[in-house]
Amino acid sequence: MSGDAVVAPASPGQRVAAEAVGSAHVITVCDRAQESCPVWPGAKERIQWSFEDPAQVEGSDAEKMRAFTNVRNAIANRIRLFLNAVKIHPAE
């Protein structure tokens, strides 16, 4: 994952809300999403994972990039653990 891009929707929740309709699991990764998007139509299970907001990090560009990279890697690891726990194996 060392060169993966960090991507965010133009408006928080906008893209993911549209894609979540009818999904079995909806996972939010910031407290703001938990508070501002309380309804996910059709979701069988809603899960909240809290990660520190890398956008709040102050410092050099390198420090900011490191914060985003660390959170991205933590989310990716948590997804792998979740998929293994629910017995979902994504294509590689």
C-alpha atoms as a PDB file:
ATOM      1  CA  MET A   1       0.000   0.000   0.000  1.00  0.00           C
ATOM      2  CA  SER A   2       2.988   2.313   0.089  1.00  0.00           C
ATOM      3  CA  GLY A   3       2.019   4.247  -3.047  1.00  0.00           C
ATOM      4  CA  ASP A   4      -1.758   4.146  -2.774  1.00  0.00           C
ATOM      5  CA  ALA A   5      -3.632   7.402  -3.159  1.00  0.00           C
ATOM      6  CA  VAL A   6      -5.638   8.909  -0.337  1.00  0.00           C
ATOM      7  CA  VAL A   7      -9.067   9.709  -1.777  1.00  0.00           C
ATOM      8  CA  ALA A   8     -11.976  11.533  -0.153  1.00  0.00           C
ATOM      9  CA  PRO A   9     -15.409  12.302  -1.601  1.00  0.00           C
ATOM     10  CA  ALA A  10     -16.093  15.917  -2.589  1.00  0.00           C
ATOM     11  CA  SER A  11     -18.708  16.156   0.141  1.00  0.00           C
ATOM     12  CA  PRO A  12     -18.445  13.955   3.257  1.00  0.00           C
ATOM     13  CA  GLY A  13     -20.805  11.038   2.936  1.00  0.00           C
ATOM     14  CA  GLN A  14     -22.083  12.039  -0.510  1.00  0.00           C
ATOM     15  CA  ARG A  15     -20.518   9.271  -2.581  1.00  0.00           C
ATOM     16  CA  VAL A  16     -20.531   6.610   0.105  1.00  0.00           C
ATOM     17  CA  ALA A  17     -24.168   7.233   1.025  1.00  0.00           C
ATOM     18  CA  ALA A  18     -25.221   6.582  -2.564  1.00  0.00           C
ATOM     19  CA  GLU A  19     -23.156   3.384  -2.710  1.00  0.00           C
ATOM     20  CA  ALA A  20     -24.303   2.134   0.702  1.00  0.00           C
ATOM     21  CA  VAL A  21     -27.964   1.742  -0.196  1.00  0.00           C
ATOM     22  CA  GLY A  22     -28.686  -1.972   0.079  1.00  0.00           C
ATOM     23  CA  SER A  23     -25.254  -2.814   1.482  1.00  0.00           C
ATOM     24  CA  ALA A  24     -24.971  -5.453   4.165  1.00  0.00           C
ATOM     25  CA  HIS A  25     -22.436  -3.477   6.206  1.00  0.00           C
ATOM     26  CA  VAL A  26     -21.886   0.255   6.441  1.00  0.00           C
ATOM     27  CA  ILE A  27     -18.697   1.325   8.164  1.00  0.00           C
ATOM     28  CA  THR A  28     -18.035   4.932   9.077  1.00  0.00           C
ATOM     29  CA  VAL A  29     -14.502   5.914  10.030  1.00  0.00           C
ATOM     30  CA  CYS A  30     -14.886   9.295  11.653  1.00  0.00           C
ATOM     31  CA  ASP A  31     -17.021  10.603  14.457  1.00  0.00           C
ATOM     32  CA  ARG A  32     -18.453  13.368  12.239  1.00  0.00           C
ATOM     33  CA  ALA A  33     -19.929  10.734   9.902  1.00  0.00           C
ATOM     34  CA  GLN A  34     -21.403   8.941  12.900  1.00  0.00           C
ATOM     35  CA  GLU A  35     -23.098  12.149  14.049  1.00  0.00           C
ATOM     36  CA  SER A  36     -24.159  13.685  10.738  1.00  0.00           C
ATOM     37  CA  CYS A  37     -25.254  10.577   8.787  1.00  0.00           C
ATOM     38  CA  PRO A  38     -27.434   8.604  11.192  1.00  0.00           C
ATOM     39  CA  VAL A  39     -29.551   6.781   8.574  1.00  0.00           C
ATOM     40  CA  TRP A  40     -28.229   4.307   5.988  1.00  0.00           C
ATOM     41  CA  PRO A  41     -31.211   2.932   4.024  1.00  0.00           C
ATOM     42  CA  GLY A  42     -31.104  -0.826   3.598  1.00  0.00           C
ATOM     43  CA  ALA A  43     -27.994  -1.409   5.688  1.00  0.00           C
ATOM     44  CA  LYS A  44     -28.200  -4.580   7.737  1.00  0.00           C
ATOM     45  CA  GLU A  45     -25.370  -3.542  10.050  1.00  0.00           C
ATOM     46  CA  ARG A  46     -23.773  -0.187  10.793  1.00  0.00           C
ATOM     47  CA  ILE A  47     -20.295  -0.135  12.312  1.00  0.00           C
ATOM     48  CA  GLN A  48     -18.352   2.862  13.630  1.00  0.00           C
ATOM     49  CA  TRP A  49     -14.565   2.793  13.580  1.00  0.00           C
ATOM     50  CA  SER A  50     -12.933   5.885  15.054  1.00  0.00           C
ATOM     51  CA  PHE A  51      -9.676   7.068  13.569  1.00  0.00           C
ATOM     52  CA  GLU A  52      -7.917  10.326  14.281  1.00  0.00           C
ATOM     53  CA  ASP A  53      -8.613  12.951  11.631  1.00  0.00           C
ATOM     54  CA  PRO A  54      -5.347  13.427   9.725  1.00  0.00           C
ATOM     55  CA  ALA A  55      -6.636  16.762   8.388  1.00  0.00           C
ATOM     56  CA  GLN A  56      -6.245  18.143  11.918  1.00  0.00           C
ATOM     57  CA  VAL A  57      -2.500  17.447  12.008  1.00  0.00           C
ATOM     58  CA  GLU A  58      -0.306  20.516  12.062  1.00  0.00           C
ATOM     59  CA  GLY A  59       3.267  20.540  10.903  1.00  0.00           C
ATOM     60  CA  SER A  60       5.310  20.200   7.745  1.00  0.00           C
ATOM     61  CA  ASP A  61       3.925  18.742   4.539  1.00  0.00           C
ATOM     62  CA  ALA A  62       5.877  15.547   5.289  1.00  0.00           C
ATOM     63  CA  GLU A  63       4.293  15.279   8.755  1.00  0.00           C
ATOM     64  CA  LYS A  64       0.824  15.830   7.314  1.00  0.00           C
ATOM     65  CA  MET A  65       1.402  13.207   4.605  1.00  0.00           C
ATOM     66  CA  ARG A  66       2.676  10.766   7.235  1.00  0.00           C
ATOM     67  CA  ALA A  67      -0.520  11.296   9.263  1.00  0.00           C
ATOM     68  CA  PHE A  68      -2.711  10.574   6.219  1.00  0.00           C
ATOM     69  CA  THR A  69      -0.617   7.541   5.303  1.00  0.00           C
ATOM     70  CA  ASN A  70      -0.795   6.150   8.844  1.00  0.00           C
ATOM     71  CA  VAL A  71      -4.580   6.492   8.975  1.00  0.00           C
ATOM     72  CA  ARG A  72      -4.940   5.013   5.484  1.00  0.00           C
ATOM     73  CA  ASN A  73      -2.845   2.013   6.520  1.00  0.00           C
ATOM     74  CA  ALA A  74      -4.782   1.579   9.764  1.00  0.00           C
ATOM     75  CA  ILE A  75      -8.086   1.626   7.855  1.00  0.00           C
ATOM     76  CA  ALA A  76      -6.765  -0.884   5.307  1.00  0.00           C
ATOM     77  CA  ASN A  77      -5.635  -3.212   8.097  1.00  0.00           C
ATOM     78  CA  ARG A  78      -8.984  -2.927   9.866  1.00  0.00           C
ATOM     79  CA  ILE A  79     -10.786  -3.718   6.600  1.00  0.00           C
ATOM     80  CA  ARG A  80      -8.654  -6.839   6.113  1.00  0.00           C
ATOM     81  CA  LEU A  81      -9.469  -8.010   9.644  1.00  0.00           C
ATOM     82  CA  PHE A  82     -13.170  -7.283   9.139  1.00  0.00           C
ATOM     83  CA  LEU A  83     -13.328  -9.120   5.810  1.00  0.00           C
ATOM     84  CA  ASN A  84     -11.583 -12.113   7.345  1.00  0.00           C
ATOM     85  CA  ALA A  85     -13.980 -12.095  10.309  1.00  0.00           C
ATOM     86  CA  VAL A  86     -17.079 -12.050   8.086  1.00  0.00           C
ATOM     87  CA  LYS A  87     -15.481 -14.517   5.656  1.00  0.00           C
ATOM     88  CA  ILE A  88     -15.368 -12.164   2.661  1.00  0.00           C
ATOM     89  CA  HIS A  89     -12.327 -12.570   0.439  1.00  0.00           C
ATOM     90  CA  PRO A  90     -11.840  -9.734  -2.073  1.00  0.00           C
ATOM     91  CA  ALA A  91     -10.204 -10.419  -5.406  1.00  0.00           C
ATOM     92  CA  GLU A  92      -6.570  -9.381  -5.381  1.00  0.00           C
END
